[in-house]
N, C-alpha and C. Protein backbone atom coordinates (compact mmCIF):
# COMPACT_ATOMS: atom_id res chain seq x y z
N MET A 1 16.52 45.73 -115.16
CA MET A 1 15.95 47.07 -115.30
C MET A 1 15.05 47.35 -114.09
N ASN A 2 15.33 48.45 -113.43
CA ASN A 2 14.52 48.79 -112.25
C ASN A 2 13.23 49.49 -112.65
N GLU A 3 12.37 49.73 -111.68
CA GLU A 3 11.06 50.33 -111.95
C GLU A 3 11.17 51.71 -112.57
N GLN A 4 12.13 52.49 -112.12
CA GLN A 4 12.31 53.84 -112.66
C GLN A 4 12.70 53.79 -114.13
N GLU A 5 13.56 52.85 -114.49
CA GLU A 5 13.98 52.71 -115.89
C GLU A 5 12.82 52.22 -116.76
N LYS A 6 12.03 51.28 -116.22
CA LYS A 6 10.84 50.80 -116.95
C LYS A 6 9.87 51.95 -117.22
N GLN A 7 9.66 52.77 -116.20
CA GLN A 7 8.76 53.91 -116.35
C GLN A 7 9.28 54.89 -117.39
N GLN A 8 10.59 55.10 -117.38
CA GLN A 8 11.21 56.03 -118.34
C GLN A 8 11.06 55.50 -119.77
N LYS A 9 11.27 54.20 -119.97
CA LYS A 9 11.11 53.57 -121.30
C LYS A 9 9.66 53.70 -121.76
N HIS A 10 8.74 53.41 -120.85
CA HIS A 10 7.31 53.52 -121.17
C HIS A 10 6.97 54.95 -121.58
N GLN A 11 7.45 55.91 -120.83
CA GLN A 11 7.18 57.32 -121.11
C GLN A 11 7.74 57.72 -122.48
N GLN A 12 8.92 57.23 -122.83
CA GLN A 12 9.54 57.53 -124.13
C GLN A 12 8.70 56.94 -125.28
N ARG A 13 8.23 55.69 -125.09
CA ARG A 13 7.39 55.07 -126.13
C ARG A 13 6.09 55.86 -126.31
N GLN A 14 5.47 56.21 -125.19
CA GLN A 14 4.21 56.95 -125.26
C GLN A 14 4.40 58.33 -125.86
N GLN A 15 5.52 58.96 -125.62
CA GLN A 15 5.81 60.27 -126.19
C GLN A 15 5.92 60.18 -127.70
N LYS A 16 6.54 59.12 -128.22
CA LYS A 16 6.65 58.92 -129.67
C LYS A 16 5.28 58.73 -130.29
N ILE A 17 4.45 57.94 -129.62
CA ILE A 17 3.08 57.74 -130.10
C ILE A 17 2.33 59.06 -130.10
N LYS A 18 2.45 59.82 -129.03
CA LYS A 18 1.76 61.12 -128.92
C LYS A 18 2.18 62.05 -130.05
N GLU A 19 3.45 62.08 -130.37
CA GLU A 19 3.94 62.96 -131.44
C GLU A 19 3.33 62.58 -132.78
N LYS A 20 3.22 61.27 -133.06
CA LYS A 20 2.62 60.81 -134.31
C LYS A 20 1.13 61.17 -134.37
N VAL A 21 0.44 60.96 -133.25
CA VAL A 21 -0.99 61.29 -133.20
C VAL A 21 -1.19 62.78 -133.38
N ASP A 22 -0.38 63.59 -132.70
CA ASP A 22 -0.48 65.04 -132.80
C ASP A 22 -0.25 65.51 -134.24
N GLN A 23 0.70 64.87 -134.93
CA GLN A 23 0.97 65.23 -136.33
C GLN A 23 -0.24 64.93 -137.21
N ARG A 24 -0.87 63.77 -136.99
CA ARG A 24 -2.04 63.40 -137.79
C ARG A 24 -3.21 64.34 -137.52
N ILE A 25 -3.38 64.72 -136.26
CA ILE A 25 -4.45 65.66 -135.91
C ILE A 25 -4.22 67.02 -136.58
N ALA A 26 -2.98 67.48 -136.56
CA ALA A 26 -2.65 68.77 -137.17
C ALA A 26 -2.83 68.73 -138.69
N ALA A 27 -2.60 67.56 -139.29
CA ALA A 27 -2.70 67.43 -140.75
C ALA A 27 -4.15 67.32 -141.22
N ALA A 28 -5.07 66.96 -140.34
CA ALA A 28 -6.48 66.81 -140.70
C ALA A 28 -7.16 68.17 -140.64
N THR A 29 -7.23 68.83 -141.78
CA THR A 29 -7.76 70.20 -141.82
C THR A 29 -9.12 70.31 -142.52
N ASP A 30 -9.53 69.26 -143.25
CA ASP A 30 -10.82 69.31 -143.95
C ASP A 30 -11.96 69.24 -142.93
N ASP A 31 -13.03 69.95 -143.19
CA ASP A 31 -14.21 69.94 -142.33
C ASP A 31 -15.42 69.77 -143.22
N LYS A 32 -16.09 68.62 -143.14
CA LYS A 32 -17.23 68.36 -144.01
C LYS A 32 -18.15 67.34 -143.36
N GLY A 33 -19.34 67.24 -143.89
CA GLY A 33 -20.26 66.20 -143.44
C GLY A 33 -19.76 64.85 -143.91
N LEU A 34 -19.84 63.86 -143.05
CA LEU A 34 -19.31 62.54 -143.35
C LEU A 34 -20.42 61.57 -143.74
N LEU A 35 -20.05 60.61 -144.58
CA LEU A 35 -20.90 59.47 -144.88
C LEU A 35 -20.26 58.26 -144.21
N LEU A 36 -20.96 57.70 -143.22
CA LEU A 36 -20.49 56.51 -142.51
C LEU A 36 -21.33 55.32 -142.94
N VAL A 37 -20.68 54.21 -143.24
CA VAL A 37 -21.38 52.97 -143.57
C VAL A 37 -20.97 51.93 -142.54
N ILE A 38 -21.98 51.32 -141.91
CA ILE A 38 -21.74 50.28 -140.91
C ILE A 38 -22.40 49.01 -141.45
N THR A 39 -21.57 48.06 -141.87
CA THR A 39 -22.07 46.88 -142.57
C THR A 39 -21.48 45.62 -141.94
N GLY A 40 -21.74 44.47 -142.55
CA GLY A 40 -21.24 43.20 -142.05
C GLY A 40 -22.37 42.33 -141.55
N ASN A 41 -22.04 41.08 -141.20
CA ASN A 41 -23.07 40.13 -140.80
C ASN A 41 -23.23 40.00 -139.28
N GLY A 42 -22.53 40.82 -138.53
CA GLY A 42 -22.61 40.74 -137.08
C GLY A 42 -23.68 41.63 -136.48
N LYS A 43 -23.97 41.39 -135.20
CA LYS A 43 -24.96 42.19 -134.48
C LYS A 43 -24.34 43.52 -134.05
N GLY A 44 -25.11 44.59 -134.15
CA GLY A 44 -24.65 45.87 -133.62
C GLY A 44 -24.56 47.00 -134.63
N LYS A 45 -24.97 46.76 -135.87
CA LYS A 45 -24.88 47.81 -136.89
C LYS A 45 -25.85 48.95 -136.61
N SER A 46 -27.12 48.59 -136.40
CA SER A 46 -28.12 49.62 -136.07
C SER A 46 -27.79 50.27 -134.73
N THR A 47 -27.37 49.44 -133.77
CA THR A 47 -27.00 49.97 -132.46
C THR A 47 -25.90 51.01 -132.59
N SER A 48 -24.93 50.74 -133.42
CA SER A 48 -23.84 51.69 -133.66
C SER A 48 -24.36 52.97 -134.31
N GLY A 49 -25.25 52.81 -135.29
CA GLY A 49 -25.85 53.98 -135.94
C GLY A 49 -26.62 54.84 -134.95
N PHE A 50 -27.38 54.19 -134.06
CA PHE A 50 -28.11 54.93 -133.03
C PHE A 50 -27.15 55.60 -132.06
N GLY A 51 -26.01 54.99 -131.84
CA GLY A 51 -24.99 55.62 -130.99
C GLY A 51 -24.52 56.94 -131.57
N VAL A 52 -24.35 56.98 -132.90
CA VAL A 52 -23.95 58.23 -133.56
C VAL A 52 -25.05 59.27 -133.41
N VAL A 53 -26.30 58.86 -133.61
CA VAL A 53 -27.42 59.79 -133.45
C VAL A 53 -27.47 60.33 -132.03
N THR A 54 -27.31 59.45 -131.04
CA THR A 54 -27.34 59.86 -129.64
C THR A 54 -26.20 60.83 -129.34
N ARG A 55 -25.02 60.54 -129.86
CA ARG A 55 -23.88 61.44 -129.67
C ARG A 55 -24.19 62.82 -130.27
N SER A 56 -24.76 62.84 -131.47
CA SER A 56 -25.10 64.11 -132.11
C SER A 56 -26.08 64.91 -131.26
N VAL A 57 -27.14 64.23 -130.81
CA VAL A 57 -28.15 64.91 -129.99
C VAL A 57 -27.53 65.39 -128.68
N GLY A 58 -26.62 64.61 -128.13
CA GLY A 58 -25.94 64.99 -126.90
C GLY A 58 -25.11 66.25 -127.04
N HIS A 59 -24.69 66.54 -128.26
CA HIS A 59 -23.93 67.77 -128.54
C HIS A 59 -24.84 68.91 -129.00
N GLY A 60 -26.15 68.70 -128.90
CA GLY A 60 -27.09 69.76 -129.28
C GLY A 60 -27.36 69.84 -130.76
N LEU A 61 -26.96 68.81 -131.52
CA LEU A 61 -27.21 68.80 -132.96
C LEU A 61 -28.57 68.19 -133.24
N LYS A 62 -29.08 68.48 -134.43
CA LYS A 62 -30.40 67.99 -134.81
C LYS A 62 -30.23 66.73 -135.66
N ALA A 63 -30.96 65.67 -135.31
CA ALA A 63 -30.83 64.40 -136.01
C ALA A 63 -32.20 63.85 -136.39
N ALA A 64 -32.20 62.93 -137.36
CA ALA A 64 -33.44 62.27 -137.78
C ALA A 64 -33.09 60.85 -138.21
N VAL A 65 -34.10 59.96 -138.13
CA VAL A 65 -33.87 58.54 -138.42
C VAL A 65 -34.91 58.04 -139.41
N CYS A 66 -34.44 57.32 -140.42
CA CYS A 66 -35.31 56.58 -141.33
C CYS A 66 -34.98 55.11 -141.16
N GLN A 67 -35.98 54.31 -140.83
CA GLN A 67 -35.77 52.88 -140.61
C GLN A 67 -36.44 52.07 -141.73
N PHE A 68 -35.59 51.39 -142.51
CA PHE A 68 -36.08 50.48 -143.53
C PHE A 68 -36.06 49.08 -142.94
N ILE A 69 -36.90 48.19 -143.44
CA ILE A 69 -37.02 46.80 -142.97
C ILE A 69 -37.79 46.71 -141.67
N LYS A 70 -37.56 47.62 -140.73
CA LYS A 70 -38.11 47.49 -139.38
C LYS A 70 -39.65 47.53 -139.39
N GLY A 71 -40.21 46.86 -138.42
CA GLY A 71 -41.66 46.80 -138.30
C GLY A 71 -42.19 47.76 -137.26
N THR A 72 -43.33 47.44 -136.72
CA THR A 72 -44.00 48.34 -135.78
C THR A 72 -43.69 47.97 -134.33
N TRP A 73 -42.85 46.95 -134.12
CA TRP A 73 -42.58 46.51 -132.75
C TRP A 73 -41.81 47.57 -131.97
N ASP A 74 -41.80 47.38 -130.66
CA ASP A 74 -41.15 48.32 -129.75
C ASP A 74 -39.67 48.45 -130.09
N CYS A 75 -39.16 49.66 -130.00
CA CYS A 75 -37.74 49.93 -130.30
C CYS A 75 -37.20 50.85 -129.20
N GLY A 76 -36.29 50.32 -128.39
CA GLY A 76 -35.75 51.08 -127.26
C GLY A 76 -35.12 52.39 -127.67
N GLU A 77 -34.38 52.38 -128.77
CA GLU A 77 -33.72 53.61 -129.23
C GLU A 77 -34.76 54.65 -129.65
N ARG A 78 -35.80 54.19 -130.35
CA ARG A 78 -36.86 55.13 -130.76
C ARG A 78 -37.57 55.69 -129.54
N ASN A 79 -37.85 54.82 -128.54
CA ASN A 79 -38.52 55.27 -127.32
C ASN A 79 -37.75 56.42 -126.67
N LEU A 80 -36.43 56.30 -126.65
CA LEU A 80 -35.58 57.33 -126.02
C LEU A 80 -35.44 58.57 -126.91
N LEU A 81 -35.07 58.35 -128.15
CA LEU A 81 -34.71 59.47 -129.02
C LEU A 81 -35.89 60.34 -129.43
N GLU A 82 -37.07 59.73 -129.55
CA GLU A 82 -38.25 60.56 -129.86
C GLU A 82 -38.54 61.54 -128.73
N LYS A 83 -38.26 61.13 -127.48
CA LYS A 83 -38.42 62.05 -126.35
C LYS A 83 -37.44 63.22 -126.43
N MET A 84 -36.34 63.01 -127.15
CA MET A 84 -35.33 64.05 -127.33
C MET A 84 -35.58 64.86 -128.60
N GLY A 85 -36.74 64.66 -129.25
CA GLY A 85 -37.10 65.44 -130.43
C GLY A 85 -36.60 64.90 -131.74
N VAL A 86 -36.11 63.66 -131.76
CA VAL A 86 -35.62 63.07 -133.00
C VAL A 86 -36.79 62.43 -133.75
N PRO A 87 -37.08 62.91 -134.96
CA PRO A 87 -38.17 62.30 -135.73
C PRO A 87 -37.76 60.96 -136.33
N PHE A 88 -38.69 60.02 -136.38
CA PHE A 88 -38.47 58.70 -136.96
C PHE A 88 -39.45 58.48 -138.11
N TYR A 89 -38.95 57.91 -139.19
CA TYR A 89 -39.78 57.51 -140.33
C TYR A 89 -39.51 56.02 -140.51
N VAL A 90 -40.55 55.20 -140.27
CA VAL A 90 -40.36 53.75 -140.20
C VAL A 90 -41.18 53.07 -141.28
N MET A 91 -40.55 52.11 -141.95
CA MET A 91 -41.18 51.39 -143.05
C MET A 91 -42.42 50.62 -142.57
N LYS A 92 -42.35 50.07 -141.38
CA LYS A 92 -43.49 49.45 -140.68
C LYS A 92 -44.00 48.15 -141.28
N THR A 93 -43.38 47.65 -142.33
CA THR A 93 -43.84 46.38 -142.90
C THR A 93 -43.15 45.19 -142.27
N GLY A 94 -42.04 45.43 -141.58
CA GLY A 94 -41.29 44.33 -140.99
C GLY A 94 -40.36 43.68 -141.99
N PHE A 95 -39.81 42.54 -141.63
CA PHE A 95 -38.86 41.84 -142.49
C PHE A 95 -39.56 41.30 -143.72
N THR A 96 -38.81 41.24 -144.81
CA THR A 96 -39.40 40.82 -146.09
C THR A 96 -39.90 39.38 -146.05
N TRP A 97 -39.27 38.54 -145.20
CA TRP A 97 -39.75 37.16 -145.12
C TRP A 97 -41.06 37.07 -144.35
N GLU A 98 -41.44 38.16 -143.65
CA GLU A 98 -42.72 38.18 -142.96
C GLU A 98 -43.83 38.68 -143.88
N THR A 99 -43.55 39.73 -144.65
CA THR A 99 -44.59 40.29 -145.53
C THR A 99 -44.82 39.40 -146.73
N GLN A 100 -43.73 38.88 -147.32
CA GLN A 100 -43.79 38.03 -148.51
C GLN A 100 -44.57 38.70 -149.62
N ASN A 101 -44.49 40.02 -149.67
CA ASN A 101 -45.21 40.79 -150.69
C ASN A 101 -44.27 41.87 -151.21
N LYS A 102 -43.63 41.60 -152.33
CA LYS A 102 -42.60 42.50 -152.84
C LYS A 102 -43.16 43.88 -153.19
N GLU A 103 -44.31 43.92 -153.82
CA GLU A 103 -44.90 45.21 -154.21
C GLU A 103 -45.21 46.07 -152.99
N GLN A 104 -45.75 45.43 -151.96
CA GLN A 104 -46.05 46.15 -150.71
C GLN A 104 -44.77 46.67 -150.07
N ASP A 105 -43.72 45.85 -150.07
CA ASP A 105 -42.45 46.27 -149.49
C ASP A 105 -41.83 47.43 -150.26
N ILE A 106 -41.90 47.36 -151.57
CA ILE A 106 -41.34 48.44 -152.40
C ILE A 106 -42.09 49.74 -152.14
N ALA A 107 -43.42 49.66 -152.07
CA ALA A 107 -44.23 50.86 -151.82
C ALA A 107 -43.89 51.45 -150.45
N ALA A 108 -43.74 50.59 -149.44
CA ALA A 108 -43.42 51.06 -148.10
C ALA A 108 -42.02 51.68 -148.06
N ALA A 109 -41.07 51.05 -148.76
CA ALA A 109 -39.70 51.59 -148.83
C ALA A 109 -39.70 52.95 -149.51
N GLU A 110 -40.48 53.09 -150.54
CA GLU A 110 -40.53 54.35 -151.28
C GLU A 110 -41.10 55.48 -150.42
N LEU A 111 -42.09 55.17 -149.58
CA LEU A 111 -42.65 56.19 -148.69
C LEU A 111 -41.58 56.71 -147.72
N VAL A 112 -40.82 55.79 -147.12
CA VAL A 112 -39.77 56.21 -146.20
C VAL A 112 -38.67 56.95 -146.95
N TRP A 113 -38.35 56.49 -148.16
CA TRP A 113 -37.31 57.15 -148.96
C TRP A 113 -37.71 58.60 -149.28
N GLN A 114 -38.98 58.84 -149.55
CA GLN A 114 -39.43 60.22 -149.84
C GLN A 114 -39.17 61.12 -148.63
N GLU A 115 -39.37 60.59 -147.43
CA GLU A 115 -39.06 61.36 -146.22
C GLU A 115 -37.55 61.55 -146.08
N ALA A 116 -36.80 60.50 -146.39
CA ALA A 116 -35.34 60.59 -146.32
C ALA A 116 -34.81 61.66 -147.27
N LYS A 117 -35.38 61.73 -148.45
CA LYS A 117 -34.95 62.74 -149.43
C LYS A 117 -35.15 64.16 -148.89
N LYS A 118 -36.26 64.37 -148.20
CA LYS A 118 -36.49 65.69 -147.59
C LYS A 118 -35.42 66.01 -146.55
N LEU A 119 -35.11 65.01 -145.72
CA LEU A 119 -34.08 65.21 -144.69
C LEU A 119 -32.72 65.50 -145.32
N LEU A 120 -32.43 64.79 -146.41
CA LEU A 120 -31.14 64.93 -147.09
C LEU A 120 -31.02 66.21 -147.90
N GLN A 121 -32.07 67.02 -147.87
CA GLN A 121 -32.04 68.34 -148.51
C GLN A 121 -32.19 69.47 -147.50
N ASP A 122 -32.27 69.09 -146.21
CA ASP A 122 -32.54 70.06 -145.16
C ASP A 122 -31.26 70.40 -144.40
N PRO A 123 -30.70 71.59 -144.61
CA PRO A 123 -29.44 71.93 -143.94
C PRO A 123 -29.56 72.09 -142.43
N SER A 124 -30.79 72.13 -141.91
CA SER A 124 -30.94 72.25 -140.45
C SER A 124 -30.78 70.90 -139.75
N ILE A 125 -30.79 69.81 -140.51
CA ILE A 125 -30.60 68.46 -139.95
C ILE A 125 -29.12 68.14 -140.03
N ASN A 126 -28.49 67.94 -138.89
CA ASN A 126 -27.05 67.68 -138.85
C ASN A 126 -26.68 66.23 -139.13
N THR A 127 -27.52 65.29 -138.65
CA THR A 127 -27.20 63.87 -138.77
C THR A 127 -28.44 63.10 -139.20
N VAL A 128 -28.30 62.26 -140.23
CA VAL A 128 -29.40 61.42 -140.71
C VAL A 128 -28.94 59.97 -140.64
N LEU A 129 -29.72 59.15 -139.95
CA LEU A 129 -29.47 57.71 -139.92
C LEU A 129 -30.43 57.03 -140.90
N LEU A 130 -29.86 56.32 -141.87
CA LEU A 130 -30.64 55.53 -142.82
C LEU A 130 -30.42 54.06 -142.43
N ASP A 131 -31.21 53.64 -141.46
CA ASP A 131 -31.04 52.32 -140.86
C ASP A 131 -31.54 51.23 -141.78
N GLU A 132 -30.69 50.25 -142.07
CA GLU A 132 -30.99 49.10 -142.94
C GLU A 132 -31.22 49.50 -144.40
N LEU A 133 -30.69 50.63 -144.81
CA LEU A 133 -30.85 51.06 -146.21
C LEU A 133 -30.18 50.08 -147.17
N THR A 134 -29.12 49.42 -146.75
CA THR A 134 -28.39 48.53 -147.67
C THR A 134 -29.30 47.49 -148.30
N TYR A 135 -30.28 46.99 -147.54
CA TYR A 135 -31.18 45.98 -148.07
C TYR A 135 -32.03 46.55 -149.22
N MET A 136 -32.42 47.79 -149.09
CA MET A 136 -33.25 48.41 -150.12
C MET A 136 -32.50 48.52 -151.45
N LEU A 137 -31.18 48.62 -151.35
CA LEU A 137 -30.35 48.68 -152.56
C LEU A 137 -30.09 47.28 -153.12
N SER A 138 -29.77 46.33 -152.24
CA SER A 138 -29.46 44.98 -152.73
C SER A 138 -30.71 44.28 -153.26
N TYR A 139 -31.89 44.58 -152.67
CA TYR A 139 -33.14 44.00 -153.17
C TYR A 139 -33.70 44.78 -154.37
N ARG A 140 -33.08 45.92 -154.66
CA ARG A 140 -33.51 46.81 -155.75
C ARG A 140 -34.92 47.37 -155.50
N TYR A 141 -35.22 47.61 -154.23
CA TYR A 141 -36.49 48.26 -153.88
C TYR A 141 -36.39 49.76 -154.15
N LEU A 142 -35.18 50.29 -154.05
CA LEU A 142 -34.93 51.70 -154.36
C LEU A 142 -33.86 51.78 -155.44
N ASP A 143 -33.90 52.84 -156.22
CA ASP A 143 -32.95 53.03 -157.31
C ASP A 143 -31.60 53.50 -156.74
N ILE A 144 -30.56 52.73 -156.97
CA ILE A 144 -29.27 53.04 -156.36
C ILE A 144 -28.71 54.37 -156.88
N ASP A 145 -28.92 54.67 -158.15
CA ASP A 145 -28.41 55.93 -158.70
C ASP A 145 -29.05 57.12 -157.99
N GLU A 146 -30.36 57.04 -157.78
CA GLU A 146 -31.06 58.13 -157.09
C GLU A 146 -30.60 58.26 -155.64
N VAL A 147 -30.47 57.12 -154.97
CA VAL A 147 -30.06 57.14 -153.57
C VAL A 147 -28.67 57.74 -153.42
N LEU A 148 -27.72 57.26 -154.21
CA LEU A 148 -26.34 57.76 -154.09
C LEU A 148 -26.24 59.22 -154.50
N SER A 149 -26.97 59.62 -155.52
CA SER A 149 -26.96 61.02 -155.95
C SER A 149 -27.54 61.93 -154.87
N THR A 150 -28.61 61.49 -154.23
CA THR A 150 -29.23 62.29 -153.17
C THR A 150 -28.28 62.44 -151.99
N ILE A 151 -27.63 61.34 -151.62
CA ILE A 151 -26.67 61.41 -150.51
C ILE A 151 -25.50 62.31 -150.88
N ALA A 152 -25.00 62.18 -152.10
CA ALA A 152 -23.85 62.98 -152.55
C ALA A 152 -24.16 64.47 -152.58
N ASN A 153 -25.41 64.81 -152.86
CA ASN A 153 -25.79 66.21 -153.02
C ASN A 153 -26.48 66.80 -151.79
N ARG A 154 -26.31 66.16 -150.66
CA ARG A 154 -26.89 66.65 -149.41
C ARG A 154 -26.18 67.95 -148.98
N PRO A 155 -26.75 68.67 -148.01
CA PRO A 155 -26.07 69.87 -147.51
C PRO A 155 -24.65 69.57 -147.05
N GLU A 156 -23.75 70.50 -147.28
CA GLU A 156 -22.31 70.28 -147.11
C GLU A 156 -21.91 69.74 -145.74
N GLY A 157 -22.51 70.23 -144.68
CA GLY A 157 -22.08 69.83 -143.35
C GLY A 157 -22.87 68.68 -142.76
N GLN A 158 -23.78 68.09 -143.53
CA GLN A 158 -24.66 67.06 -142.98
C GLN A 158 -23.96 65.69 -142.96
N HIS A 159 -24.10 65.00 -141.82
CA HIS A 159 -23.55 63.65 -141.67
C HIS A 159 -24.65 62.63 -141.95
N VAL A 160 -24.27 61.54 -142.63
CA VAL A 160 -25.22 60.46 -142.93
C VAL A 160 -24.61 59.15 -142.48
N VAL A 161 -25.42 58.35 -141.80
CA VAL A 161 -25.01 57.01 -141.37
C VAL A 161 -25.93 56.01 -142.06
N VAL A 162 -25.33 55.04 -142.75
CA VAL A 162 -26.08 53.98 -143.41
C VAL A 162 -25.69 52.66 -142.75
N THR A 163 -26.71 51.87 -142.38
CA THR A 163 -26.44 50.57 -141.77
C THR A 163 -27.05 49.45 -142.61
N GLY A 164 -26.58 48.25 -142.35
CA GLY A 164 -27.15 47.05 -142.97
C GLY A 164 -26.09 46.14 -143.55
N ARG A 165 -26.48 44.90 -143.74
CA ARG A 165 -25.57 43.91 -144.31
C ARG A 165 -25.30 44.17 -145.78
N ALA A 166 -24.21 43.62 -146.26
CA ALA A 166 -23.88 43.58 -147.69
C ALA A 166 -24.02 44.94 -148.37
N ALA A 167 -23.35 45.94 -147.82
CA ALA A 167 -23.39 47.28 -148.43
C ALA A 167 -22.88 47.20 -149.87
N HIS A 168 -23.58 47.87 -150.76
CA HIS A 168 -23.20 47.89 -152.18
C HIS A 168 -21.82 48.51 -152.34
N ARG A 169 -21.02 47.96 -153.25
CA ARG A 169 -19.64 48.45 -153.44
C ARG A 169 -19.60 49.93 -153.77
N ARG A 170 -20.60 50.44 -154.49
CA ARG A 170 -20.61 51.87 -154.85
C ARG A 170 -20.83 52.73 -153.61
N LEU A 171 -21.65 52.25 -152.69
CA LEU A 171 -21.86 52.95 -151.43
C LEU A 171 -20.58 52.95 -150.60
N ILE A 172 -19.90 51.82 -150.57
CA ILE A 172 -18.64 51.71 -149.83
C ILE A 172 -17.58 52.65 -150.43
N GLU A 173 -17.50 52.70 -151.74
CA GLU A 173 -16.52 53.58 -152.40
C GLU A 173 -16.80 55.04 -152.09
N MET A 174 -18.05 55.39 -151.99
CA MET A 174 -18.46 56.78 -151.76
C MET A 174 -18.26 57.21 -150.31
N ALA A 175 -18.30 56.26 -149.39
CA ALA A 175 -18.27 56.56 -147.95
C ALA A 175 -16.93 57.12 -147.50
N ASP A 176 -16.98 57.94 -146.46
CA ASP A 176 -15.76 58.45 -145.82
C ASP A 176 -15.22 57.45 -144.82
N THR A 177 -16.11 56.78 -144.11
CA THR A 177 -15.74 55.80 -143.09
C THR A 177 -16.62 54.57 -143.28
N VAL A 178 -15.99 53.39 -143.32
CA VAL A 178 -16.73 52.13 -143.44
C VAL A 178 -16.26 51.21 -142.32
N SER A 179 -17.22 50.70 -141.56
CA SER A 179 -16.93 49.73 -140.51
C SER A 179 -17.67 48.44 -140.82
N GLU A 180 -17.00 47.31 -140.59
CA GLU A 180 -17.63 46.02 -140.80
C GLU A 180 -17.77 45.31 -139.46
N VAL A 181 -18.99 44.96 -139.13
CA VAL A 181 -19.28 44.24 -137.89
C VAL A 181 -19.33 42.75 -138.23
N GLN A 182 -18.44 41.99 -137.66
CA GLN A 182 -18.38 40.55 -137.95
C GLN A 182 -19.02 39.76 -136.82
N SER A 183 -19.67 38.66 -137.22
CA SER A 183 -20.29 37.79 -136.23
C SER A 183 -19.30 36.70 -135.83
N ILE A 184 -18.98 36.64 -134.56
CA ILE A 184 -18.14 35.58 -134.03
C ILE A 184 -19.00 34.59 -133.26
N LYS A 185 -19.95 35.12 -132.51
CA LYS A 185 -20.83 34.28 -131.70
C LYS A 185 -22.09 35.09 -131.39
N HIS A 186 -23.25 34.45 -131.41
CA HIS A 186 -24.49 35.14 -131.08
C HIS A 186 -25.36 34.24 -130.22
N ALA A 187 -25.89 34.79 -129.16
CA ALA A 187 -26.69 34.02 -128.20
C ALA A 187 -27.89 33.33 -128.88
N PHE A 188 -28.49 33.98 -129.85
CA PHE A 188 -29.66 33.43 -130.54
C PHE A 188 -29.35 32.09 -131.19
N GLU A 189 -28.13 31.96 -131.70
CA GLU A 189 -27.72 30.70 -132.34
C GLU A 189 -27.65 29.56 -131.33
N ALA A 190 -27.54 29.88 -130.07
CA ALA A 190 -27.53 28.86 -129.01
C ALA A 190 -28.92 28.65 -128.43
N GLY A 191 -29.94 29.20 -129.10
CA GLY A 191 -31.31 28.99 -128.65
C GLY A 191 -31.79 29.95 -127.59
N ILE A 192 -31.05 31.03 -127.36
CA ILE A 192 -31.45 32.01 -126.36
C ILE A 192 -32.34 33.07 -127.00
N LYS A 193 -33.47 33.35 -126.37
CA LYS A 193 -34.41 34.35 -126.90
C LYS A 193 -33.76 35.72 -126.96
N VAL A 194 -34.22 36.57 -127.91
CA VAL A 194 -33.74 37.94 -127.98
C VAL A 194 -34.17 38.67 -126.71
N GLN A 195 -33.31 39.52 -126.23
CA GLN A 195 -33.49 40.14 -124.92
C GLN A 195 -33.83 41.62 -125.04
N LYS A 196 -34.91 42.00 -124.35
CA LYS A 196 -35.33 43.40 -124.30
C LYS A 196 -34.20 44.25 -123.69
N GLY A 197 -33.91 45.36 -124.34
CA GLY A 197 -32.87 46.25 -123.85
C GLY A 197 -31.48 45.89 -124.33
N ILE A 198 -31.33 44.71 -124.92
CA ILE A 198 -30.05 44.28 -125.46
C ILE A 198 -30.16 44.06 -126.97
N ASP A 199 -31.15 43.29 -127.39
CA ASP A 199 -31.33 42.99 -128.80
C ASP A 199 -32.34 43.92 -129.48
N TRP A 200 -33.21 44.56 -128.70
CA TRP A 200 -34.19 45.48 -129.28
C TRP A 200 -34.61 46.50 -128.24
């Protein structure tokens, strides 16, 4: 087979793929706010959620972030996005193994959740990131029925991104898109310190 024939075969294959993709695009007619869940035990769930927020802001949409679990330490995404007018509501207690105080953690989670509820009722907010919310459900710091009902009853066009490990099955069932980030290898496991601008 000469180069011209190879090119022709390649073009025919790509044309078939294009036709299938075009058909799927034409068939997708629903327009609604999406619920995205980014879960799994690998690194990059919050990073992916912040990517969605950044993309939204880049298109001139209004976004907001609620961070559960996270502490008061420096956050590169927050440093950037707050300059772009994105409000952040942060639990500020840090990881539960650091606080070792369940009542304090629940109270802090509830404060951030109250802010999240306001965002989830505000039609002017296009995208809401609920970073590490999955832990609040698995630890039972927040009531899952209330959380899922609030998300379900948000403004019609509002997008919500939920991140964190071990997403509850009810959250997964409710979601429009679910991605699982798997850990294959992590530098920290080899004794390498977390790196500014990469890990935080």
